[in-house]
């Protein structure tokens, strides 16, 4: 039996993580936060003292990840466990996101994580969040969505999140990090960030989460 998949790709801060969780709950489907796998690999490598220039070491870290995703309350990020330890907070830092973007350009690391991502495809269906879900990991998905927003809006969203969490942050520095990450992700040789040819592009700039979810739900009916 073919397991339906909805892919939601896009840059960091576009709202795809929140939309993916809400959609998965609404449909009762499984969820894949592929970005967390890259963040986990970066975190595991750092903890093991593996240099980001050590491709062999990074591949070993990726292949040996002991990872589990646990659903949380609406509006909260997916709880991520690494070897039984809740590392959700560690993964959501800007430095970890930056590290993940650096190792994501390494093709052997991407190859090591490819099948792990596809293994999340189980009945009754999967909602997959990432940057190359529709172009590389699930190219035959019946519904592909590319969710984006302006860099300024994404920086402001992230600024509010961090401020609400009590984290001191400079919005200009955040904007610069987001633009640098976008540049790196869009121009990398390994699966550059771009919409799949048959993806529906949704620009969430100026839209509420509910307005975006309404558009996504309308498309989900085609899965």
Protein backbone atom coordinates (compact mmCIF):
# COMPACT_ATOMS: atom_id res chain seq x y z
CA UNK A 1 0.00 0.00 0.00
CA UNK A 2 1.33 3.42 -0.93
CA UNK A 3 1.76 5.66 2.11
CA UNK A 4 0.70 9.25 1.36
CA UNK A 5 3.26 11.98 2.04
CA UNK A 6 2.91 15.74 2.25
CA UNK A 7 6.21 17.61 2.08
CA UNK A 8 6.65 21.08 3.51
CA UNK A 9 9.94 22.68 2.54
CA UNK A 10 11.26 26.18 3.02
CA UNK A 11 13.84 28.33 4.77
CA UNK A 12 14.21 28.55 8.54
CA UNK A 13 11.66 30.80 10.22
CA UNK A 14 9.03 30.41 7.51
CA UNK A 15 6.68 28.68 9.94
CA UNK A 16 6.97 25.24 8.36
CA UNK A 17 7.72 23.49 11.67
CA UNK A 18 4.59 24.85 13.30
CA UNK A 19 2.45 24.16 10.24
CA UNK A 20 3.84 20.62 9.94
CA UNK A 21 2.90 19.79 13.53
CA UNK A 22 -0.57 21.31 13.22
CA UNK A 23 -1.20 19.50 9.93
CA UNK A 24 0.04 16.16 11.27
CA UNK A 25 -2.26 16.49 14.30
CA UNK A 26 -5.22 17.51 12.16
CA UNK A 27 -4.72 14.53 9.82
CA UNK A 28 -3.58 12.06 12.49
CA UNK A 29 -0.42 11.35 10.48
CA UNK A 30 3.20 10.78 11.44
CA UNK A 31 5.65 13.67 11.45
CA UNK A 32 9.24 14.06 10.32
CA UNK A 33 11.32 17.05 11.35
CA UNK A 34 14.22 16.41 9.00
CA UNK A 35 16.06 19.53 10.09
CA UNK A 36 16.27 18.06 13.58
CA UNK A 37 18.27 15.13 12.18
CA UNK A 38 20.92 17.51 10.84
CA UNK A 39 20.90 19.47 14.08
CA UNK A 40 21.19 16.21 16.03
CA UNK A 41 24.14 15.12 13.90
CA UNK A 42 25.86 18.46 14.51
CA UNK A 43 25.14 18.27 18.24
CA UNK A 44 26.32 14.67 18.50
CA UNK A 45 29.48 15.51 16.58
CA UNK A 46 30.30 18.39 18.91
CA UNK A 47 29.68 16.25 21.97
CA UNK A 48 31.96 13.56 20.56
CA UNK A 49 34.68 16.05 19.60
CA UNK A 50 34.26 15.40 15.88
CA UNK A 51 35.45 18.23 13.63
CA UNK A 52 33.07 19.50 10.96
CA UNK A 53 35.95 18.89 8.53
CA UNK A 54 35.96 15.17 9.42
CA UNK A 55 33.51 13.73 6.88
CA UNK A 56 34.06 10.14 8.02
CA UNK A 57 33.41 11.08 11.63
CA UNK A 58 30.30 13.07 10.74
CA UNK A 59 28.91 10.16 8.70
CA UNK A 60 29.49 7.81 11.64
CA UNK A 61 27.68 10.25 13.94
CA UNK A 62 24.75 10.42 11.51
CA UNK A 63 24.50 6.66 11.11
CA UNK A 64 24.55 6.03 14.85
CA UNK A 65 21.99 8.60 15.99
CA UNK A 66 19.67 7.17 18.66
CA UNK A 67 16.76 9.52 18.01
CA UNK A 68 13.07 9.67 18.83
CA UNK A 69 10.42 12.34 18.20
CA UNK A 70 7.60 12.85 20.70
CA UNK A 71 4.50 14.98 20.06
CA UNK A 72 3.89 17.96 22.32
CA UNK A 73 1.12 20.45 23.05
CA UNK A 74 -0.11 22.63 20.18
CA UNK A 75 2.27 25.51 19.54
CA UNK A 76 5.23 23.76 21.16
CA UNK A 77 8.16 22.30 19.20
CA UNK A 78 8.41 18.54 18.73
CA UNK A 79 10.23 16.95 21.67
CA UNK A 80 13.46 15.40 20.39
CA UNK A 81 15.31 12.71 22.34
CA UNK A 82 18.95 11.83 21.72
CA UNK A 83 19.89 8.56 23.44
CA UNK A 84 16.94 9.13 25.74
CA UNK A 85 17.93 12.71 26.67
CA UNK A 86 15.60 15.59 25.84
CA UNK A 87 17.75 17.87 23.68
CA UNK A 88 14.94 19.95 22.19
CA UNK A 89 16.28 23.15 23.72
CA UNK A 90 19.82 22.49 22.53
CA UNK A 91 18.60 21.97 18.97
CA UNK A 92 16.67 25.25 18.83
CA UNK A 93 19.65 27.52 19.44
CA UNK A 94 20.91 29.70 16.60
CA UNK A 95 24.40 28.17 16.88
CA UNK A 96 23.05 24.64 16.45
CA UNK A 97 21.03 25.73 13.42
CA UNK A 98 24.12 27.31 11.95
CA UNK A 99 26.14 24.13 12.60
CA UNK A 100 23.43 22.03 10.96
CA UNK A 101 23.53 24.25 7.87
CA UNK A 102 27.29 23.75 7.65
CA UNK A 103 27.17 19.94 7.71
CA UNK A 104 24.11 19.83 5.44
CA UNK A 105 26.31 20.81 2.49
CA UNK A 106 28.34 17.59 2.91
CA UNK A 107 26.97 14.98 0.51
CA UNK A 108 28.12 11.87 2.46
CA UNK A 109 26.25 13.17 5.52
CA UNK A 110 23.12 13.71 3.43
CA UNK A 111 23.47 10.19 2.00
CA UNK A 112 23.76 8.73 5.51
CA UNK A 113 20.55 10.44 6.63
CA UNK A 114 18.51 9.83 3.46
CA UNK A 115 17.18 6.36 4.24
CA UNK A 116 16.60 7.26 7.89
CA UNK A 117 14.25 9.99 6.69
CA UNK A 118 12.42 7.69 4.29
CA UNK A 119 11.88 5.16 7.08
CA UNK A 120 9.46 7.62 8.72
CA UNK A 121 7.00 6.96 5.87
CA UNK A 122 4.35 4.84 7.60
CA UNK A 123 0.58 4.50 7.49
CA UNK A 124 -1.72 6.34 7.69
CA UNK A 125 0.58 9.01 6.22
CA UNK A 126 3.52 11.34 6.79
CA UNK A 127 3.97 15.09 6.92
CA UNK A 128 7.66 15.82 6.27
CA UNK A 129 9.26 19.16 7.16
CA UNK A 130 12.60 20.18 5.70
CA UNK A 131 14.52 21.82 2.91
CA UNK A 132 14.69 19.01 0.32
CA UNK A 133 11.74 16.79 1.23
CA UNK A 134 9.95 17.38 -2.07
CA UNK A 135 13.02 17.56 -4.29
CA UNK A 136 15.15 14.68 -2.96
CA UNK A 137 13.73 12.63 -0.09
CA UNK A 138 10.12 12.17 -1.27
CA UNK A 139 10.12 13.22 -4.93
CA UNK A 140 6.91 11.26 -5.60
CA UNK A 141 4.89 12.89 -2.81
CA UNK A 142 1.41 13.78 -4.12
CA UNK A 143 1.38 17.13 -2.28
CA UNK A 144 4.45 19.37 -2.06
CA UNK A 145 4.42 22.74 -0.37
CA UNK A 146 7.19 25.34 -0.29
CA UNK A 147 6.58 27.75 2.58
CA UNK A 148 8.54 30.97 2.60
CA UNK A 149 8.57 34.50 4.06
CA UNK A 150 10.79 37.55 3.79
CA UNK A 151 14.09 37.45 5.68
CA UNK A 152 12.99 40.49 7.71
CA UNK A 153 9.77 38.81 8.80
CA UNK A 154 11.56 35.59 9.70
CA UNK A 155 14.10 37.53 11.77
CA UNK A 156 11.30 39.34 13.60
CA UNK A 157 9.49 36.07 14.34
CA UNK A 158 12.64 34.49 15.70
CA UNK A 159 13.39 37.62 17.73
CA UNK A 160 9.96 37.44 19.38
CA UNK A 161 10.37 33.74 20.12
CA UNK A 162 13.73 34.24 21.79
CA UNK A 163 12.57 37.30 23.73
CA UNK A 164 9.54 35.37 24.99
CA UNK A 165 11.91 32.61 26.09
CA UNK A 166 13.99 35.13 28.03
CA UNK A 167 16.93 34.97 25.64
CA UNK A 168 18.76 38.22 24.91
CA UNK A 169 19.26 38.67 21.18
CA UNK A 170 20.07 41.35 18.62
CA UNK A 171 17.62 41.45 15.71
CA UNK A 172 20.22 42.83 13.27
CA UNK A 173 22.51 39.89 14.10
CA UNK A 174 19.59 37.50 13.64
CA UNK A 175 18.77 38.99 10.25
CA UNK A 176 22.38 38.65 9.14
CA UNK A 177 22.50 35.00 10.28
CA UNK A 178 19.27 34.22 8.44
CA UNK A 179 20.50 35.82 5.22
CA UNK A 180 23.84 34.00 5.47
CA UNK A 181 22.08 30.68 6.08
CA UNK A 182 19.72 31.28 3.15
CA UNK A 183 22.68 32.04 0.90
CA UNK A 184 24.48 28.88 1.99
CA UNK A 185 21.38 26.68 1.68
CA UNK A 186 20.34 28.00 -1.73
CA UNK A 187 23.80 27.76 -3.27
CA UNK A 188 25.07 24.48 -1.87
CA UNK A 189 25.89 21.77 -4.39
CA UNK A 190 24.05 19.09 -2.37
CA UNK A 191 20.27 19.50 -2.68
CA UNK A 192 20.09 23.30 -2.75
CA UNK A 193 17.06 24.91 -1.12
CA UNK A 194 14.45 25.49 -3.83
CA UNK A 195 10.82 24.59 -4.52
CA UNK A 196 10.18 21.31 -6.29
CA UNK A 197 8.92 21.88 -9.83
CA UNK A 198 5.44 20.68 -8.82
CA UNK A 199 5.36 22.39 -5.40
CA UNK A 200 2.76 24.92 -4.33
CA UNK A 201 4.55 28.03 -3.03
CA UNK A 202 2.97 29.84 -0.07
CA UNK A 203 4.42 33.16 1.10
CA UNK A 204 3.52 33.51 4.77
CA UNK A 205 4.72 37.12 5.04
CA UNK A 206 1.96 39.04 6.80
CA UNK A 207 -0.21 35.94 7.28
CA UNK A 208 -1.27 34.37 10.56
CA UNK A 209 -0.54 30.71 11.29
CA UNK A 210 -4.27 29.98 10.95
CA UNK A 211 -4.39 31.62 7.52
CA UNK A 212 -1.42 29.57 6.36
CA UNK A 213 -2.91 26.37 7.79
CA UNK A 214 -6.16 26.99 5.90
CA UNK A 215 -4.22 27.16 2.63
CA UNK A 216 -2.23 24.04 3.48
CA UNK A 217 -5.33 22.08 4.54
CA UNK A 218 -6.96 22.90 1.21
CA UNK A 219 -3.96 21.36 -0.56
CA UNK A 220 -3.79 18.39 1.83
CA UNK A 221 -7.06 17.12 0.46
CA UNK A 222 -5.19 16.15 -2.71
CA UNK A 223 -2.89 13.68 -0.88
